[in-house]
Amino acid sequence: MEDAGIIELLFVRSERAIAELAGKYGAGCRRIAGNILGDARDVEECVNDTYLGVWNAVPPRRPDPLRAYVYRVARNLAVKRYHRNTAQKRGGYDVVLDELEECLAGSGLPEEQLEARELTALLDAFLDGLPADDRVLFVRRYWYADRIQDLAGRMNTTPNNLYVRLHRIREKLKTYLIKEGIEL
């Protein structure tokens, strides 16, 4: 079923919309949540919460594209659950965040929300300037939290090559942000 049809089912509150979401985007949601959480039960709860979140949000919203919206909901819920689960522990997703820390450090205080929006715009501009394969690598690693080994297989290269490429991309990002006036 096309996304417009799923959105219409959500607007008329048909339970079939959930089945269509699950059929079309369930595997992607599970992959995203699995990359962040690792625990199968947490992943399934997160995916179910994603469907509920979309169910509750779509009327009045009409997300376009639906896929990006559903995946963003899944990712945000997985990150929330991850932080709740690991409040006193470190591991998995923290490694991904640590890689970006030197480029995007911040405390998240309310007065920094405007800076966060500006930083988002700068990050978007930086990504637009990257070659397509580097942009995909960056997003897959730092947004979807894909494992280096999985990315290496997907990109037909070695994990070591990807570590080097990611390091170079982070260095470019750091240089770009400093040039744009962001103090690190």
N, C-alpha and C. Protein backbone atom coordinates (compact mmCIF):
# COMPACT_ATOMS: atom_id res chain seq x y z
N MET A 1 0.84 -1.18 0.00
CA MET A 1 0.00 0.00 0.00
C MET A 1 0.88 1.24 0.00
N GLU A 2 0.46 2.24 -0.71
CA GLU A 2 1.19 3.51 -0.78
C GLU A 2 1.04 4.27 0.53
N ASP A 3 2.00 5.16 0.79
CA ASP A 3 1.99 5.94 2.03
C ASP A 3 0.72 6.77 2.17
N ALA A 4 0.24 7.35 1.08
CA ALA A 4 -0.98 8.17 1.14
C ALA A 4 -2.16 7.34 1.63
N GLY A 5 -2.23 6.10 1.19
CA GLY A 5 -3.30 5.20 1.64
C GLY A 5 -3.20 4.89 3.11
N ILE A 6 -1.97 4.68 3.59
CA ILE A 6 -1.78 4.41 5.02
C ILE A 6 -2.18 5.63 5.84
N ILE A 7 -1.81 6.80 5.37
CA ILE A 7 -2.16 8.03 6.09
C ILE A 7 -3.68 8.19 6.13
N GLU A 8 -4.35 7.90 5.03
CA GLU A 8 -5.82 7.99 5.02
C GLU A 8 -6.44 7.00 6.01
N LEU A 9 -5.88 5.79 6.07
CA LEU A 9 -6.38 4.81 7.05
C LEU A 9 -6.18 5.33 8.48
N LEU A 10 -5.06 5.99 8.72
CA LEU A 10 -4.82 6.57 10.04
C LEU A 10 -5.83 7.68 10.34
N PHE A 11 -6.15 8.47 9.34
CA PHE A 11 -7.10 9.56 9.54
C PHE A 11 -8.51 9.05 9.85
N VAL A 12 -8.88 7.92 9.26
CA VAL A 12 -10.21 7.37 9.56
C VAL A 12 -10.16 6.42 10.74
N ARG A 13 -8.98 6.29 11.37
CA ARG A 13 -8.75 5.49 12.57
C ARG A 13 -9.01 4.00 12.34
N SER A 14 -8.62 3.53 11.17
CA SER A 14 -8.76 2.11 10.86
C SER A 14 -7.56 1.36 11.43
N GLU A 15 -7.84 0.27 12.15
CA GLU A 15 -6.77 -0.54 12.71
C GLU A 15 -5.92 -1.19 11.63
N ARG A 16 -6.44 -1.26 10.45
CA ARG A 16 -5.67 -1.79 9.32
C ARG A 16 -4.41 -0.95 9.06
N ALA A 17 -4.45 0.32 9.42
CA ALA A 17 -3.30 1.20 9.23
C ALA A 17 -2.08 0.66 9.97
N ILE A 18 -2.29 0.13 11.17
CA ILE A 18 -1.18 -0.42 11.95
C ILE A 18 -0.60 -1.63 11.24
N ALA A 19 -1.46 -2.49 10.72
CA ALA A 19 -0.98 -3.66 9.99
C ALA A 19 -0.20 -3.24 8.75
N GLU A 20 -0.66 -2.21 8.06
CA GLU A 20 0.04 -1.73 6.88
C GLU A 20 1.39 -1.10 7.26
N LEU A 21 1.41 -0.33 8.35
CA LEU A 21 2.68 0.22 8.83
C LEU A 21 3.65 -0.90 9.17
N ALA A 22 3.16 -1.90 9.87
CA ALA A 22 4.01 -3.02 10.27
C ALA A 22 4.55 -3.76 9.05
N GLY A 23 3.71 -3.97 8.07
CA GLY A 23 4.14 -4.68 6.88
C GLY A 23 5.16 -3.92 6.06
N LYS A 24 4.97 -2.61 5.99
CA LYS A 24 5.84 -1.81 5.14
C LYS A 24 7.10 -1.33 5.85
N TYR A 25 6.98 -0.96 7.13
CA TYR A 25 8.11 -0.33 7.83
C TYR A 25 8.58 -1.08 9.07
N GLY A 26 7.94 -2.19 9.40
CA GLY A 26 8.30 -2.93 10.62
C GLY A 26 9.73 -3.40 10.64
N ALA A 27 10.21 -3.96 9.54
CA ALA A 27 11.58 -4.47 9.50
C ALA A 27 12.60 -3.34 9.68
N GLY A 28 12.35 -2.21 9.05
CA GLY A 28 13.25 -1.07 9.21
C GLY A 28 13.25 -0.54 10.64
N CYS A 29 12.07 -0.48 11.24
CA CYS A 29 11.97 -0.03 12.64
C CYS A 29 12.73 -0.99 13.56
N ARG A 30 12.58 -2.29 13.32
CA ARG A 30 13.29 -3.28 14.14
C ARG A 30 14.80 -3.15 13.97
N ARG A 31 15.26 -2.90 12.76
CA ARG A 31 16.69 -2.76 12.52
C ARG A 31 17.23 -1.52 13.25
N ILE A 32 16.53 -0.41 13.13
CA ILE A 32 16.97 0.82 13.78
C ILE A 32 16.99 0.63 15.29
N ALA A 33 15.90 0.14 15.85
CA ALA A 33 15.83 -0.07 17.30
C ALA A 33 16.85 -1.11 17.75
N GLY A 34 17.04 -2.15 16.95
CA GLY A 34 18.01 -3.19 17.29
C GLY A 34 19.43 -2.67 17.31
N ASN A 35 19.77 -1.76 16.38
CA ASN A 35 21.11 -1.18 16.36
C ASN A 35 21.39 -0.38 17.63
N ILE A 36 20.36 0.21 18.18
CA ILE A 36 20.53 1.05 19.37
C ILE A 36 20.38 0.24 20.65
N LEU A 37 19.39 -0.63 20.70
CA LEU A 37 19.05 -1.32 21.94
C LEU A 37 19.71 -2.68 22.12
N GLY A 38 19.69 -3.50 21.08
CA GLY A 38 20.31 -4.80 21.18
C GLY A 38 19.44 -5.89 21.81
N ASP A 39 18.56 -5.56 22.71
CA ASP A 39 17.72 -6.54 23.38
C ASP A 39 16.42 -6.73 22.60
N ALA A 40 16.11 -7.97 22.24
CA ALA A 40 14.95 -8.27 21.38
C ALA A 40 13.63 -7.81 22.00
N ARG A 41 13.48 -7.97 23.32
CA ARG A 41 12.23 -7.54 23.96
C ARG A 41 12.09 -6.03 23.91
N ASP A 42 13.18 -5.32 24.18
CA ASP A 42 13.14 -3.86 24.10
C ASP A 42 12.85 -3.40 22.68
N VAL A 43 13.43 -4.09 21.72
CA VAL A 43 13.21 -3.74 20.32
C VAL A 43 11.74 -3.88 19.97
N GLU A 44 11.11 -5.00 20.34
CA GLU A 44 9.70 -5.21 20.01
C GLU A 44 8.81 -4.18 20.70
N GLU A 45 9.12 -3.86 21.96
CA GLU A 45 8.34 -2.83 22.65
C GLU A 45 8.50 -1.49 21.96
N CYS A 46 9.71 -1.18 21.56
CA CYS A 46 9.98 0.08 20.87
C CYS A 46 9.22 0.15 19.55
N VAL A 47 9.22 -0.94 18.80
CA VAL A 47 8.51 -0.96 17.52
C VAL A 47 7.01 -0.79 17.74
N ASN A 48 6.47 -1.47 18.73
CA ASN A 48 5.04 -1.31 19.03
C ASN A 48 4.73 0.12 19.49
N ASP A 49 5.62 0.70 20.28
CA ASP A 49 5.45 2.09 20.70
C ASP A 49 5.54 3.04 19.51
N THR A 50 6.33 2.66 18.52
CA THR A 50 6.43 3.47 17.30
C THR A 50 5.08 3.51 16.60
N TYR A 51 4.45 2.36 16.44
CA TYR A 51 3.14 2.32 15.78
C TYR A 51 2.13 3.17 16.57
N LEU A 52 2.16 3.05 17.89
CA LEU A 52 1.26 3.85 18.72
C LEU A 52 1.56 5.34 18.56
N GLY A 53 2.84 5.69 18.54
CA GLY A 53 3.23 7.09 18.36
C GLY A 53 2.75 7.66 17.04
N VAL A 54 2.88 6.88 15.98
CA VAL A 54 2.40 7.32 14.67
C VAL A 54 0.87 7.41 14.69
N TRP A 55 0.22 6.43 15.28
CA TRP A 55 -1.25 6.43 15.40
C TRP A 55 -1.74 7.70 16.09
N ASN A 56 -1.05 8.08 17.17
CA ASN A 56 -1.46 9.26 17.94
C ASN A 56 -1.10 10.58 17.27
N ALA A 57 -0.09 10.58 16.42
CA ALA A 57 0.41 11.84 15.87
C ALA A 57 -0.15 12.19 14.49
N VAL A 58 -0.48 11.20 13.71
CA VAL A 58 -0.83 11.50 12.32
C VAL A 58 -2.07 12.39 12.21
N PRO A 59 -3.20 12.05 12.72
CA PRO A 59 -4.18 13.14 12.73
C PRO A 59 -3.80 14.11 13.83
N PRO A 60 -3.47 15.29 13.60
CA PRO A 60 -3.67 16.11 12.40
C PRO A 60 -2.47 16.14 11.44
N ARG A 61 -1.34 15.58 11.80
CA ARG A 61 -0.17 15.61 10.91
C ARG A 61 -0.40 14.75 9.67
N ARG A 62 0.27 15.15 8.60
CA ARG A 62 0.34 14.36 7.37
C ARG A 62 1.82 14.29 6.98
N PRO A 63 2.57 13.40 7.63
CA PRO A 63 4.01 13.36 7.37
C PRO A 63 4.33 12.97 5.93
N ASP A 64 5.26 13.70 5.36
CA ASP A 64 5.69 13.41 3.99
C ASP A 64 7.20 13.61 3.93
N PRO A 65 7.96 12.59 3.80
CA PRO A 65 7.60 11.20 3.55
C PRO A 65 7.29 10.45 4.85
N LEU A 66 6.37 9.54 4.77
CA LEU A 66 5.95 8.75 5.93
C LEU A 66 7.09 7.89 6.46
N ARG A 67 7.86 7.30 5.57
CA ARG A 67 8.96 6.42 5.97
C ARG A 67 9.94 7.13 6.91
N ALA A 68 10.36 8.32 6.53
CA ALA A 68 11.30 9.08 7.37
C ALA A 68 10.67 9.39 8.73
N TYR A 69 9.39 9.73 8.73
CA TYR A 69 8.71 10.06 9.98
C TYR A 69 8.65 8.83 10.89
N VAL A 70 8.26 7.70 10.34
CA VAL A 70 8.14 6.47 11.14
C VAL A 70 9.52 6.09 11.70
N TYR A 71 10.54 6.15 10.85
CA TYR A 71 11.88 5.78 11.31
C TYR A 71 12.41 6.76 12.35
N ARG A 72 12.07 8.03 12.23
CA ARG A 72 12.50 9.01 13.23
C ARG A 72 11.82 8.72 14.57
N VAL A 73 10.55 8.39 14.54
CA VAL A 73 9.84 8.04 15.78
C VAL A 73 10.50 6.81 16.41
N ALA A 74 10.78 5.80 15.60
CA ALA A 74 11.40 4.58 16.11
C ALA A 74 12.76 4.89 16.73
N ARG A 75 13.56 5.68 16.05
CA ARG A 75 14.89 6.02 16.55
C ARG A 75 14.81 6.80 17.86
N ASN A 76 13.94 7.80 17.89
CA ASN A 76 13.82 8.61 19.11
C ASN A 76 13.36 7.77 20.30
N LEU A 77 12.40 6.88 20.07
CA LEU A 77 11.94 6.01 21.15
C LEU A 77 13.05 5.05 21.59
N ALA A 78 13.82 4.53 20.64
CA ALA A 78 14.91 3.62 20.99
C ALA A 78 16.00 4.34 21.79
N VAL A 79 16.31 5.56 21.40
CA VAL A 79 17.33 6.32 22.14
C VAL A 79 16.84 6.61 23.56
N LYS A 80 15.57 6.98 23.71
CA LYS A 80 15.00 7.21 25.05
C LYS A 80 15.11 5.96 25.91
N ARG A 81 14.69 4.84 25.34
CA ARG A 81 14.74 3.58 26.08
C ARG A 81 16.18 3.22 26.40
N TYR A 82 17.08 3.43 25.46
CA TYR A 82 18.49 3.13 25.69
C TYR A 82 19.02 3.92 26.88
N HIS A 83 18.72 5.21 26.91
CA HIS A 83 19.21 6.04 28.02
C HIS A 83 18.58 5.61 29.34
N ARG A 84 17.32 5.22 29.31
CA ARG A 84 16.68 4.74 30.53
C ARG A 84 17.32 3.43 30.99
N ASN A 85 17.61 2.54 30.04
CA ASN A 85 18.19 1.24 30.38
C ASN A 85 19.63 1.35 30.86
N THR A 86 20.34 2.32 30.40
CA THR A 86 21.79 2.40 30.68
C THR A 86 22.13 3.63 31.50
N ALA A 87 21.23 4.06 32.34
CA ALA A 87 21.47 5.27 33.12
C ALA A 87 22.76 5.19 33.92
N GLN A 88 23.15 4.01 34.37
CA GLN A 88 24.36 3.86 35.17
C GLN A 88 25.44 3.04 34.46
N LYS A 89 25.16 2.58 33.25
CA LYS A 89 26.11 1.74 32.53
C LYS A 89 26.56 2.44 31.26
N ARG A 90 27.65 1.93 30.67
CA ARG A 90 28.12 2.45 29.39
C ARG A 90 28.30 1.29 28.43
N GLY A 91 28.10 1.54 27.17
CA GLY A 91 28.31 0.50 26.17
C GLY A 91 27.64 0.87 24.88
N GLY A 92 27.48 -0.07 23.96
CA GLY A 92 26.80 0.03 22.69
C GLY A 92 26.70 1.41 22.06
N TYR A 93 25.54 2.02 22.20
CA TYR A 93 25.26 3.29 21.54
C TYR A 93 26.14 4.41 22.07
N ASP A 94 26.60 4.31 23.32
CA ASP A 94 27.50 5.33 23.85
C ASP A 94 28.77 5.44 23.03
N VAL A 95 29.23 4.35 22.47
CA VAL A 95 30.42 4.37 21.64
C VAL A 95 30.19 5.26 20.43
N VAL A 96 29.03 5.15 19.81
CA VAL A 96 28.70 5.98 18.65
C VAL A 96 28.66 7.45 19.06
N LEU A 97 28.04 7.73 20.20
CA LEU A 97 27.96 9.11 20.67
C LEU A 97 29.33 9.66 21.03
N ASP A 98 30.18 8.82 21.63
CA ASP A 98 31.53 9.26 21.98
C ASP A 98 32.32 9.67 20.74
N GLU A 99 32.11 8.98 19.62
CA GLU A 99 32.84 9.31 18.41
C GLU A 99 32.53 10.74 17.95
N LEU A 100 31.31 11.19 18.16
CA LEU A 100 30.91 12.53 17.74
C LEU A 100 31.08 13.59 18.82
N GLU A 101 31.38 13.17 20.03
CA GLU A 101 31.38 14.09 21.16
C GLU A 101 32.27 15.30 20.95
N GLU A 102 33.46 15.10 20.43
CA GLU A 102 34.38 16.22 20.28
C GLU A 102 33.90 17.24 19.26
N CYS A 103 33.01 16.81 18.34
CA CYS A 103 32.49 17.74 17.34
C CYS A 103 31.20 18.40 17.77
N LEU A 104 30.39 17.70 18.56
CA LEU A 104 29.04 18.17 18.85
C LEU A 104 28.73 18.22 20.34
N ALA A 105 29.72 18.48 21.17
CA ALA A 105 29.51 18.47 22.61
C ALA A 105 28.56 19.59 23.01
N GLY A 106 27.76 19.33 24.03
CA GLY A 106 26.85 20.32 24.57
C GLY A 106 26.09 19.73 25.73
N SER A 107 25.61 20.59 26.63
CA SER A 107 24.95 20.10 27.83
C SER A 107 23.44 19.97 27.67
N GLY A 108 22.87 20.54 26.60
CA GLY A 108 21.44 20.42 26.39
C GLY A 108 20.62 21.34 27.27
N LEU A 109 21.23 22.37 27.86
CA LEU A 109 20.50 23.31 28.68
C LEU A 109 19.51 24.10 27.82
N PRO A 110 18.42 24.60 28.41
CA PRO A 110 17.41 25.32 27.63
C PRO A 110 17.98 26.48 26.82
N GLU A 111 18.92 27.22 27.37
CA GLU A 111 19.48 28.36 26.64
C GLU A 111 20.28 27.91 25.41
N GLU A 112 20.58 26.62 25.34
CA GLU A 112 21.33 26.11 24.20
C GLU A 112 20.42 25.57 23.09
N GLN A 113 19.10 25.65 23.28
CA GLN A 113 18.19 25.11 22.27
C GLN A 113 18.31 25.86 20.95
N LEU A 114 18.45 27.19 21.02
CA LEU A 114 18.62 27.96 19.80
C LEU A 114 19.93 27.55 19.12
N GLU A 115 20.98 27.38 19.90
CA GLU A 115 22.25 26.94 19.34
C GLU A 115 22.11 25.56 18.72
N ALA A 116 21.30 24.70 19.31
CA ALA A 116 21.09 23.37 18.75
C ALA A 116 20.44 23.46 17.38
N ARG A 117 19.48 24.36 17.20
CA ARG A 117 18.85 24.54 15.89
C ARG A 117 19.87 25.04 14.87
N GLU A 118 20.70 26.00 15.30
CA GLU A 118 21.74 26.50 14.41
C GLU A 118 22.73 25.40 14.05
N LEU A 119 23.08 24.60 15.04
CA LEU A 119 24.00 23.48 14.81
C LEU A 119 23.39 22.47 13.85
N THR A 120 22.09 22.23 13.97
CA THR A 120 21.40 21.33 13.05
C THR A 120 21.50 21.84 11.62
N ALA A 121 21.28 23.13 11.44
CA ALA A 121 21.37 23.72 10.10
C ALA A 121 22.79 23.60 9.56
N LEU A 122 23.79 23.83 10.41
CA LEU A 122 25.18 23.70 9.98
C LEU A 122 25.50 22.25 9.63
N LEU A 123 25.01 21.32 10.43
CA LEU A 123 25.25 19.90 10.16
C LEU A 123 24.61 19.50 8.83
N ASP A 124 23.40 19.97 8.57
CA ASP A 124 22.75 19.70 7.29
C ASP A 124 23.58 20.24 6.13
N ALA A 125 24.08 21.46 6.28
CA ALA A 125 24.90 22.06 5.22
C ALA A 125 26.19 21.27 5.03
N PHE A 126 26.80 20.85 6.12
CA PHE A 126 28.02 20.04 6.03
C PHE A 126 27.75 18.74 5.28
N LEU A 127 26.68 18.06 5.65
CA LEU A 127 26.35 16.79 5.00
C LEU A 127 26.05 16.98 3.52
N ASP A 128 25.40 18.09 3.17
CA ASP A 128 25.11 18.37 1.76
C ASP A 128 26.39 18.52 0.95
N GLY A 129 27.47 18.96 1.60
CA GLY A 129 28.74 19.15 0.91
C GLY A 129 29.59 17.90 0.80
N LEU A 130 29.19 16.83 1.44
CA LEU A 130 29.96 15.59 1.38
C LEU A 130 29.61 14.79 0.13
N PRO A 131 30.55 13.99 -0.36
CA PRO A 131 30.19 13.05 -1.42
C PRO A 131 29.10 12.10 -0.90
N ALA A 132 28.29 11.60 -1.81
CA ALA A 132 27.13 10.79 -1.42
C ALA A 132 27.51 9.60 -0.56
N ASP A 133 28.60 8.90 -0.89
CA ASP A 133 28.95 7.72 -0.10
C ASP A 133 29.41 8.08 1.31
N ASP A 134 30.09 9.21 1.48
CA ASP A 134 30.47 9.66 2.82
C ASP A 134 29.25 10.11 3.62
N ARG A 135 28.32 10.76 2.94
CA ARG A 135 27.09 11.21 3.61
C ARG A 135 26.29 10.00 4.10
N VAL A 136 26.17 8.99 3.25
CA VAL A 136 25.45 7.77 3.64
C VAL A 136 26.16 7.10 4.81
N LEU A 137 27.48 7.00 4.74
CA LEU A 137 28.25 6.40 5.83
C LEU A 137 28.02 7.14 7.14
N PHE A 138 28.10 8.46 7.11
CA PHE A 138 27.91 9.29 8.30
C PHE A 138 26.52 9.08 8.90
N VAL A 139 25.50 9.15 8.07
CA VAL A 139 24.13 9.01 8.56
C VAL A 139 23.87 7.60 9.07
N ARG A 140 24.34 6.59 8.34
CA ARG A 140 24.12 5.21 8.79
C ARG A 140 24.79 4.95 10.14
N ARG A 141 25.98 5.52 10.33
CA ARG A 141 26.71 5.30 11.58
C ARG A 141 26.14 6.13 12.73
N TYR A 142 25.93 7.42 12.50
CA TYR A 142 25.60 8.32 13.60
C TYR A 142 24.12 8.60 13.77
N TRP A 143 23.28 8.28 12.83
CA TRP A 143 21.84 8.43 13.02
C TRP A 143 21.21 7.07 13.28
N TYR A 144 21.52 6.09 12.42
CA TYR A 144 20.94 4.76 12.57
C TYR A 144 21.77 3.83 13.45
N ALA A 145 22.96 4.28 13.85
CA ALA A 145 23.84 3.52 14.75
C ALA A 145 24.21 2.16 14.19
N ASP A 146 24.39 2.08 12.88
CA ASP A 146 24.81 0.81 12.28
C ASP A 146 26.20 0.44 12.78
N ARG A 147 26.42 -0.85 12.96
CA ARG A 147 27.73 -1.35 13.40
C ARG A 147 28.73 -1.23 12.25
N ILE A 148 29.98 -0.98 12.62
CA ILE A 148 31.04 -0.83 11.62
C ILE A 148 31.12 -2.08 10.74
N GLN A 149 31.02 -3.26 11.33
CA GLN A 149 31.11 -4.49 10.57
C GLN A 149 29.98 -4.58 9.53
N ASP A 150 28.78 -4.17 9.92
CA ASP A 150 27.66 -4.19 8.98
C ASP A 150 27.87 -3.19 7.85
N LEU A 151 28.36 -2.02 8.20
CA LEU A 151 28.63 -1.00 7.18
C LEU A 151 29.72 -1.45 6.23
N ALA A 152 30.75 -2.09 6.76
CA ALA A 152 31.84 -2.57 5.91
C ALA A 152 31.31 -3.58 4.89
N GLY A 153 30.45 -4.48 5.33
CA GLY A 153 29.85 -5.43 4.40
C GLY A 153 28.99 -4.75 3.36
N ARG A 154 28.22 -3.78 3.80
CA ARG A 154 27.32 -3.04 2.89
C ARG A 154 28.12 -2.24 1.86
N MET A 155 29.27 -1.71 2.29
CA MET A 155 30.05 -0.84 1.40
C MET A 155 31.24 -1.56 0.75
N ASN A 156 31.29 -2.88 0.92
CA ASN A 156 32.36 -3.69 0.31
C ASN A 156 33.76 -3.16 0.63
N THR A 157 34.01 -2.95 1.90
CA THR A 157 35.32 -2.50 2.34
C THR A 157 35.61 -3.13 3.69
N THR A 158 36.74 -2.76 4.27
CA THR A 158 37.12 -3.33 5.56
C THR A 158 36.66 -2.42 6.70
N PRO A 159 36.46 -2.99 7.88
CA PRO A 159 36.12 -2.14 9.03
C PRO A 159 37.20 -1.09 9.30
N ASN A 160 38.46 -1.45 9.15
CA ASN A 160 39.53 -0.49 9.38
C ASN A 160 39.42 0.70 8.42
N ASN A 161 39.10 0.42 7.16
CA ASN A 161 38.93 1.49 6.19
C ASN A 161 37.82 2.44 6.64
N LEU A 162 36.72 1.88 7.16
CA LEU A 162 35.61 2.73 7.60
C LEU A 162 35.97 3.54 8.83
N TYR A 163 36.73 2.96 9.76
CA TYR A 163 37.17 3.73 10.92
C TYR A 163 37.97 4.95 10.47
N VAL A 164 38.84 4.74 9.51
CA VAL A 164 39.66 5.85 9.00
C VAL A 164 38.78 6.88 8.30
N ARG A 165 37.87 6.42 7.44
CA ARG A 165 36.98 7.36 6.74
C ARG A 165 36.13 8.15 7.71
N LEU A 166 35.57 7.47 8.71
CA LEU A 166 34.74 8.17 9.69
C LEU A 166 35.57 9.18 10.49
N HIS A 167 36.79 8.81 10.83
CA HIS A 167 37.66 9.75 11.54
C HIS A 167 37.91 11.00 10.67
N ARG A 168 38.17 10.80 9.41
CA ARG A 168 38.42 11.93 8.51
C ARG A 168 37.16 12.80 8.36
N ILE A 169 36.01 12.17 8.26
CA ILE A 169 34.76 12.93 8.16
C ILE A 169 34.54 13.75 9.43
N ARG A 170 34.79 13.14 10.59
CA ARG A 170 34.63 13.88 11.86
C ARG A 170 35.60 15.04 11.93
N GLU A 171 36.82 14.83 11.47
CA GLU A 171 37.81 15.93 11.45
C GLU A 171 37.34 17.05 10.53
N LYS A 172 36.79 16.70 9.35
CA LYS A 172 36.25 17.72 8.44
C LYS A 172 35.10 18.46 9.11
N LEU A 173 34.24 17.72 9.82
CA LEU A 173 33.12 18.34 10.52
C LEU A 173 33.62 19.31 11.58
N LYS A 174 34.60 18.88 12.33
CA LYS A 174 35.16 19.74 13.38
C LYS A 174 35.73 21.02 12.77
N THR A 175 36.50 20.89 11.70
CA THR A 175 37.08 22.05 11.03
C THR A 175 35.97 22.96 10.49
N TYR A 176 34.96 22.36 9.89
CA TYR A 176 33.85 23.13 9.34
C TYR A 176 33.13 23.92 10.44
N LEU A 177 32.86 23.26 11.57
CA LEU A 177 32.14 23.94 12.65
C LEU A 177 32.96 25.07 13.25
N ILE A 178 34.25 24.86 13.38
CA ILE A 178 35.13 25.93 13.90
C ILE A 178 35.12 27.11 12.93
N LYS A 179 35.21 26.80 11.63
CA LYS A 179 35.18 27.85 10.61
C LYS A 179 33.88 28.63 10.66
N GLU A 180 32.79 27.98 11.01
CA GLU A 180 31.48 28.60 11.08
C GLU A 180 31.24 29.32 12.42
N GLY A 181 32.23 29.31 13.28
CA GLY A 181 32.12 30.04 14.53
C GLY A 181 31.61 29.25 15.72
N ILE A 182 31.53 27.95 15.61
CA ILE A 182 31.08 27.12 16.72
C ILE A 182 32.30 26.81 17.58
N GLU A 183 32.22 27.14 18.87
CA GLU A 183 33.32 26.86 19.79
C GLU A 183 33.17 25.45 20.31
N LEU A 184 34.24 24.68 20.16
CA LEU A 184 34.19 23.28 20.61
C LEU A 184 34.96 23.09 21.89
